[in-house]
N, C-alpha and C. Protein backbone atom coordinates (compact mmCIF):
# COMPACT_ATOMS: atom_id res chain seq x y z
N MET A 1 0.82 -1.19 0.00
CA MET A 1 0.00 0.00 0.00
C MET A 1 0.87 1.26 0.00
N ILE A 2 1.92 1.25 0.83
CA ILE A 2 2.82 2.41 0.88
C ILE A 2 3.52 2.57 -0.46
N ARG A 3 3.93 1.46 -1.06
CA ARG A 3 4.61 1.50 -2.35
C ARG A 3 3.69 2.11 -3.42
N MET A 4 2.43 1.74 -3.39
CA MET A 4 1.47 2.28 -4.35
C MET A 4 1.29 3.78 -4.15
N ARG A 5 1.23 4.24 -2.90
CA ARG A 5 1.10 5.68 -2.62
C ARG A 5 2.32 6.43 -3.14
N ILE A 6 3.50 5.84 -2.94
CA ILE A 6 4.72 6.49 -3.43
C ILE A 6 4.67 6.58 -4.95
N SER A 7 4.24 5.51 -5.61
CA SER A 7 4.15 5.51 -7.07
C SER A 7 3.16 6.57 -7.56
N ILE A 8 2.01 6.64 -6.91
CA ILE A 8 1.01 7.64 -7.30
C ILE A 8 1.54 9.04 -7.05
N THR A 9 2.16 9.24 -5.90
CA THR A 9 2.74 10.55 -5.58
C THR A 9 3.81 10.91 -6.60
N THR A 10 4.68 9.96 -6.92
CA THR A 10 5.74 10.20 -7.90
C THR A 10 5.13 10.56 -9.26
N PHE A 11 4.10 9.83 -9.65
CA PHE A 11 3.43 10.10 -10.92
C PHE A 11 2.91 11.54 -10.96
N PHE A 12 2.22 11.95 -9.89
CA PHE A 12 1.66 13.31 -9.87
C PHE A 12 2.75 14.37 -9.81
N LEU A 13 3.86 14.09 -9.15
CA LEU A 13 4.97 15.05 -9.15
C LEU A 13 5.53 15.22 -10.56
N PHE A 14 5.71 14.11 -11.27
CA PHE A 14 6.18 14.20 -12.65
C PHE A 14 5.18 14.94 -13.54
N LEU A 15 3.91 14.66 -13.32
CA LEU A 15 2.86 15.33 -14.08
C LEU A 15 2.89 16.84 -13.84
N ILE A 16 3.04 17.24 -12.60
CA ILE A 16 3.11 18.66 -12.26
C ILE A 16 4.36 19.30 -12.87
N MET A 17 5.50 18.60 -12.76
CA MET A 17 6.74 19.14 -13.33
C MET A 17 6.61 19.30 -14.84
N PHE A 18 6.07 18.29 -15.52
CA PHE A 18 5.90 18.37 -16.97
C PHE A 18 4.96 19.51 -17.34
N SER A 19 3.88 19.64 -16.61
CA SER A 19 2.92 20.72 -16.88
C SER A 19 3.57 22.08 -16.69
N ALA A 20 4.37 22.23 -15.66
CA ALA A 20 5.05 23.50 -15.40
C ALA A 20 6.01 23.84 -16.53
N VAL A 21 6.74 22.85 -17.02
CA VAL A 21 7.67 23.08 -18.13
C VAL A 21 6.90 23.47 -19.38
N GLN A 22 5.80 22.78 -19.66
CA GLN A 22 4.99 23.08 -20.83
C GLN A 22 4.40 24.49 -20.75
N VAL A 23 3.87 24.87 -19.60
CA VAL A 23 3.29 26.20 -19.42
C VAL A 23 4.36 27.26 -19.60
N ARG A 24 5.54 27.04 -19.04
CA ARG A 24 6.63 28.01 -19.17
C ARG A 24 7.02 28.19 -20.63
N ALA A 25 7.14 27.08 -21.38
CA ALA A 25 7.50 27.17 -22.79
C ALA A 25 6.46 27.96 -23.57
N GLU A 26 5.19 27.75 -23.26
CA GLU A 26 4.13 28.49 -23.94
C GLU A 26 4.13 29.96 -23.54
N GLN A 27 4.48 30.27 -22.30
CA GLN A 27 4.48 31.65 -21.83
C GLN A 27 5.64 32.45 -22.40
N GLU A 28 6.70 31.79 -22.86
CA GLU A 28 7.83 32.50 -23.41
C GLU A 28 7.49 33.16 -24.75
N ARG A 29 6.48 32.65 -25.41
CA ARG A 29 6.05 33.23 -26.68
C ARG A 29 4.84 34.12 -26.43
N PRO A 30 4.70 35.19 -27.22
CA PRO A 30 3.54 36.07 -27.06
C PRO A 30 2.24 35.32 -27.32
N ILE A 31 1.17 35.85 -26.81
CA ILE A 31 -0.14 35.20 -26.91
C ILE A 31 -0.58 35.04 -28.36
N TRP A 32 -0.15 35.91 -29.25
CA TRP A 32 -0.56 35.87 -30.65
C TRP A 32 0.24 34.90 -31.49
N TRP A 33 1.30 34.32 -30.94
CA TRP A 33 2.27 33.52 -31.71
C TRP A 33 1.60 32.41 -32.53
N ASN A 34 0.77 31.59 -31.91
CA ASN A 34 0.18 30.45 -32.62
C ASN A 34 -0.70 30.87 -33.79
N ASP A 35 -1.48 31.94 -33.61
CA ASP A 35 -2.33 32.42 -34.71
C ASP A 35 -1.48 32.91 -35.88
N VAL A 36 -0.44 33.65 -35.57
CA VAL A 36 0.42 34.19 -36.62
C VAL A 36 1.19 33.06 -37.30
N GLN A 37 1.61 32.06 -36.53
CA GLN A 37 2.32 30.92 -37.12
C GLN A 37 1.43 30.18 -38.12
N LYS A 38 0.16 30.01 -37.79
CA LYS A 38 -0.78 29.37 -38.72
C LYS A 38 -0.89 30.17 -40.01
N GLU A 39 -0.98 31.48 -39.88
CA GLU A 39 -1.06 32.35 -41.06
C GLU A 39 0.21 32.24 -41.89
N ALA A 40 1.36 32.25 -41.25
CA ALA A 40 2.64 32.11 -41.95
C ALA A 40 2.71 30.77 -42.67
N ASP A 41 2.32 29.71 -42.00
CA ASP A 41 2.33 28.37 -42.61
C ASP A 41 1.45 28.34 -43.86
N ARG A 42 0.30 29.00 -43.77
CA ARG A 42 -0.64 29.00 -44.89
C ARG A 42 -0.03 29.61 -46.15
N TYR A 43 0.84 30.60 -45.98
CA TYR A 43 1.44 31.27 -47.12
C TYR A 43 2.88 30.84 -47.40
N GLY A 44 3.36 29.83 -46.68
CA GLY A 44 4.69 29.29 -46.96
C GLY A 44 5.83 30.03 -46.30
N TYR A 45 5.55 30.76 -45.24
CA TYR A 45 6.58 31.48 -44.51
C TYR A 45 6.84 30.81 -43.18
N LYS A 46 7.94 31.18 -42.56
CA LYS A 46 8.26 30.63 -41.25
C LYS A 46 8.41 31.77 -40.26
N LEU A 47 7.80 31.62 -39.11
CA LEU A 47 7.89 32.60 -38.04
C LEU A 47 9.08 32.24 -37.16
N LEU A 48 9.96 33.20 -36.92
CA LEU A 48 11.16 32.96 -36.11
C LEU A 48 11.12 33.80 -34.85
N ASP A 49 11.64 33.25 -33.76
CA ASP A 49 11.84 34.04 -32.55
C ASP A 49 13.28 34.56 -32.57
N GLY A 50 13.68 35.28 -31.54
CA GLY A 50 15.02 35.85 -31.49
C GLY A 50 16.13 34.85 -31.72
N PRO A 51 16.16 33.74 -30.97
CA PRO A 51 17.20 32.73 -31.20
C PRO A 51 17.14 32.13 -32.61
N GLY A 52 15.94 32.01 -33.17
CA GLY A 52 15.80 31.49 -34.53
C GLY A 52 16.42 32.42 -35.56
N VAL A 53 16.26 33.73 -35.35
CA VAL A 53 16.87 34.72 -36.24
C VAL A 53 18.39 34.64 -36.12
N GLU A 54 18.89 34.59 -34.90
CA GLU A 54 20.35 34.48 -34.70
C GLU A 54 20.91 33.26 -35.42
N GLU A 55 20.21 32.15 -35.31
CA GLU A 55 20.66 30.91 -35.94
C GLU A 55 20.70 31.06 -37.46
N LYS A 56 19.65 31.62 -38.04
CA LYS A 56 19.61 31.81 -39.50
C LYS A 56 20.72 32.75 -39.97
N LEU A 57 20.98 33.81 -39.20
CA LEU A 57 22.03 34.75 -39.59
C LEU A 57 23.39 34.08 -39.62
N LYS A 58 23.61 33.12 -38.73
CA LYS A 58 24.88 32.39 -38.70
C LYS A 58 24.95 31.35 -39.81
N GLU A 59 23.83 30.70 -40.10
CA GLU A 59 23.80 29.56 -41.02
C GLU A 59 23.67 29.93 -42.50
N VAL A 60 22.94 30.98 -42.80
CA VAL A 60 22.57 31.27 -44.19
C VAL A 60 23.37 32.46 -44.72
N PRO A 61 24.31 32.21 -45.64
CA PRO A 61 25.09 33.32 -46.19
C PRO A 61 24.23 34.21 -47.09
N GLY A 62 24.45 35.51 -47.02
CA GLY A 62 23.76 36.45 -47.88
C GLY A 62 22.32 36.76 -47.50
N ILE A 63 21.90 36.30 -46.35
CA ILE A 63 20.52 36.55 -45.93
C ILE A 63 20.32 38.06 -45.70
N MET A 64 19.15 38.56 -46.06
CA MET A 64 18.86 39.98 -45.88
C MET A 64 17.91 40.16 -44.70
N LEU A 65 18.20 41.18 -43.91
CA LEU A 65 17.31 41.58 -42.82
C LEU A 65 16.55 42.82 -43.28
N LEU A 66 15.25 42.74 -43.28
CA LEU A 66 14.42 43.87 -43.69
C LEU A 66 13.58 44.33 -42.51
N ASP A 67 13.89 45.51 -42.02
CA ASP A 67 13.18 46.12 -40.90
C ASP A 67 12.05 46.96 -41.49
N VAL A 68 10.81 46.61 -41.17
CA VAL A 68 9.67 47.31 -41.77
C VAL A 68 9.02 48.33 -40.83
N ARG A 69 9.75 48.69 -39.79
CA ARG A 69 9.24 49.72 -38.87
C ARG A 69 9.37 51.10 -39.50
N ALA A 70 8.77 52.07 -38.85
CA ALA A 70 8.89 53.46 -39.28
C ALA A 70 10.36 53.88 -39.26
N GLY A 71 10.70 54.80 -40.15
CA GLY A 71 12.08 55.26 -40.25
C GLY A 71 12.67 55.75 -38.94
N TYR A 72 11.89 56.49 -38.15
CA TYR A 72 12.41 57.01 -36.89
C TYR A 72 12.72 55.87 -35.91
N GLU A 73 11.93 54.78 -35.96
CA GLU A 73 12.22 53.64 -35.10
C GLU A 73 13.50 52.95 -35.55
N PHE A 74 13.66 52.82 -36.86
CA PHE A 74 14.87 52.21 -37.41
C PHE A 74 16.09 53.03 -37.00
N GLU A 75 15.99 54.34 -37.12
CA GLU A 75 17.11 55.22 -36.74
C GLU A 75 17.42 55.13 -35.26
N GLY A 76 16.40 54.85 -34.46
CA GLY A 76 16.59 54.72 -33.01
C GLY A 76 17.32 53.45 -32.61
N GLY A 77 17.44 52.52 -33.51
CA GLY A 77 18.15 51.27 -33.23
C GLY A 77 17.59 50.13 -34.06
N HIS A 78 18.49 49.33 -34.58
CA HIS A 78 18.08 48.19 -35.41
C HIS A 78 19.16 47.12 -35.38
N ILE A 79 18.83 45.96 -35.90
CA ILE A 79 19.80 44.87 -35.98
C ILE A 79 20.88 45.28 -36.98
N PRO A 80 22.15 45.15 -36.61
CA PRO A 80 23.23 45.54 -37.53
C PRO A 80 23.09 44.84 -38.90
N GLY A 81 23.24 45.64 -39.95
CA GLY A 81 23.16 45.11 -41.31
C GLY A 81 21.76 45.14 -41.90
N ALA A 82 20.76 45.48 -41.08
CA ALA A 82 19.37 45.49 -41.57
C ALA A 82 19.15 46.68 -42.50
N ARG A 83 18.24 46.49 -43.44
CA ARG A 83 17.79 47.56 -44.33
C ARG A 83 16.40 47.96 -43.88
N ASN A 84 15.98 49.16 -44.20
CA ASN A 84 14.68 49.65 -43.74
C ASN A 84 13.78 50.01 -44.90
N MET A 85 12.55 49.53 -44.82
CA MET A 85 11.48 49.96 -45.72
C MET A 85 10.20 49.88 -44.92
N GLU A 86 9.67 51.03 -44.59
CA GLU A 86 8.46 51.08 -43.76
C GLU A 86 7.26 50.53 -44.53
N PHE A 87 6.48 49.70 -43.86
CA PHE A 87 5.26 49.16 -44.44
C PHE A 87 4.07 49.74 -43.70
N GLU A 88 3.05 50.12 -44.44
CA GLU A 88 1.81 50.61 -43.85
C GLU A 88 0.89 49.42 -43.63
N LEU A 89 -0.06 49.55 -42.71
CA LEU A 89 -0.96 48.44 -42.40
C LEU A 89 -1.71 47.89 -43.61
N GLY A 90 -2.19 48.74 -44.48
CA GLY A 90 -2.95 48.29 -45.65
C GLY A 90 -2.12 47.58 -46.69
N GLU A 91 -0.80 47.68 -46.59
CA GLU A 91 0.05 47.10 -47.61
C GLU A 91 0.19 45.58 -47.50
N ASP A 92 -0.46 44.99 -46.53
CA ASP A 92 -0.46 43.53 -46.50
C ASP A 92 -1.42 42.96 -47.54
N GLN A 93 -2.32 43.79 -48.05
CA GLN A 93 -3.29 43.36 -49.06
C GLN A 93 -3.00 43.91 -50.45
N TYR A 94 -2.39 45.09 -50.51
CA TYR A 94 -2.18 45.74 -51.80
C TYR A 94 -0.89 46.54 -51.77
N PHE A 95 -0.13 46.44 -52.84
CA PHE A 95 1.12 47.17 -53.01
C PHE A 95 1.01 48.00 -54.28
N SER A 96 1.26 49.29 -54.20
CA SER A 96 1.25 50.10 -55.42
C SER A 96 2.45 49.71 -56.28
N LYS A 97 2.39 50.05 -57.56
CA LYS A 97 3.51 49.75 -58.48
C LYS A 97 4.80 50.41 -57.99
N GLU A 98 4.68 51.64 -57.48
CA GLU A 98 5.86 52.36 -56.98
C GLU A 98 6.48 51.64 -55.78
N ARG A 99 5.63 51.20 -54.86
CA ARG A 99 6.15 50.48 -53.67
C ARG A 99 6.76 49.14 -54.07
N GLU A 100 6.14 48.47 -55.03
CA GLU A 100 6.69 47.21 -55.52
C GLU A 100 8.08 47.43 -56.13
N LYS A 101 8.21 48.51 -56.89
CA LYS A 101 9.50 48.85 -57.50
C LYS A 101 10.55 49.13 -56.42
N GLN A 102 10.17 49.88 -55.39
CA GLN A 102 11.10 50.17 -54.29
C GLN A 102 11.56 48.89 -53.60
N LEU A 103 10.62 47.99 -53.37
CA LEU A 103 10.97 46.73 -52.70
C LEU A 103 11.88 45.89 -53.58
N ARG A 104 11.59 45.79 -54.86
CA ARG A 104 12.44 45.01 -55.77
C ARG A 104 13.85 45.58 -55.82
N GLU A 105 13.98 46.90 -55.85
CA GLU A 105 15.30 47.53 -55.85
C GLU A 105 16.05 47.24 -54.55
N LEU A 106 15.34 47.28 -53.46
CA LEU A 106 15.95 47.01 -52.16
C LEU A 106 16.42 45.56 -52.05
N LEU A 107 15.60 44.63 -52.51
CA LEU A 107 15.93 43.21 -52.41
C LEU A 107 17.02 42.78 -53.39
N GLY A 108 17.10 43.47 -54.52
CA GLY A 108 18.13 43.12 -55.50
C GLY A 108 17.67 42.07 -56.49
N PRO A 109 18.57 41.69 -57.41
CA PRO A 109 18.19 40.81 -58.51
C PRO A 109 17.99 39.34 -58.14
N ASP A 110 18.58 38.89 -57.04
CA ASP A 110 18.49 37.48 -56.65
C ASP A 110 17.13 37.19 -56.01
N LEU A 111 16.21 36.63 -56.79
CA LEU A 111 14.87 36.35 -56.28
C LEU A 111 14.82 35.16 -55.33
N ASN A 112 15.92 34.43 -55.23
CA ASN A 112 16.00 33.30 -54.30
C ASN A 112 16.69 33.66 -53.00
N ARG A 113 17.10 34.90 -52.87
CA ARG A 113 17.79 35.34 -51.66
C ARG A 113 16.83 35.27 -50.47
N PRO A 114 17.25 34.60 -49.40
CA PRO A 114 16.38 34.55 -48.22
C PRO A 114 16.30 35.92 -47.53
N VAL A 115 15.13 36.24 -47.04
CA VAL A 115 14.89 37.53 -46.39
C VAL A 115 14.19 37.29 -45.06
N ILE A 116 14.70 37.92 -44.01
CA ILE A 116 14.03 37.92 -42.72
C ILE A 116 13.41 39.31 -42.56
N ILE A 117 12.11 39.35 -42.39
CA ILE A 117 11.39 40.61 -42.21
C ILE A 117 11.01 40.72 -40.74
N TYR A 118 11.33 41.86 -40.15
CA TYR A 118 10.95 42.03 -38.75
C TYR A 118 10.37 43.42 -38.50
N CYS A 119 9.59 43.49 -37.42
CA CYS A 119 8.98 44.74 -37.01
C CYS A 119 8.92 44.76 -35.49
N ARG A 120 8.31 45.78 -34.95
CA ARG A 120 8.21 45.92 -33.50
C ARG A 120 7.08 45.08 -32.94
N SER A 121 5.94 45.11 -33.60
CA SER A 121 4.78 44.39 -33.10
C SER A 121 3.80 44.17 -34.24
N PHE A 122 2.67 43.56 -33.91
CA PHE A 122 1.64 43.33 -34.92
C PHE A 122 0.52 44.35 -34.82
N ARG A 123 0.77 45.48 -34.19
CA ARG A 123 -0.25 46.52 -34.06
C ARG A 123 -0.26 47.42 -35.26
């Protein structure tokens, strides 16, 4: 009987520890992460966190960092080597010919060049 109580107690301790680790891992990411990841998956993109960006920068030669925040935010500080092109909220649905031309010039002729796009938030 004592052995069974110890086993049950041990089981619940492991269950609590596992749950705590799982909750902590989920709390490290913003609340919107899963929804945005689904959207990215739908369009063939990958959502990266800070360590994921660092890893890609080390692994992938010639990768471009595109900071889409407002110019004043970019000037206030950005990831070294990043380029800036501010995006407006409506531009996720429509890009004018002029904006498309600006983006193509910024990205350069290599259409297979990997690009990491980052901003401050999803607001």
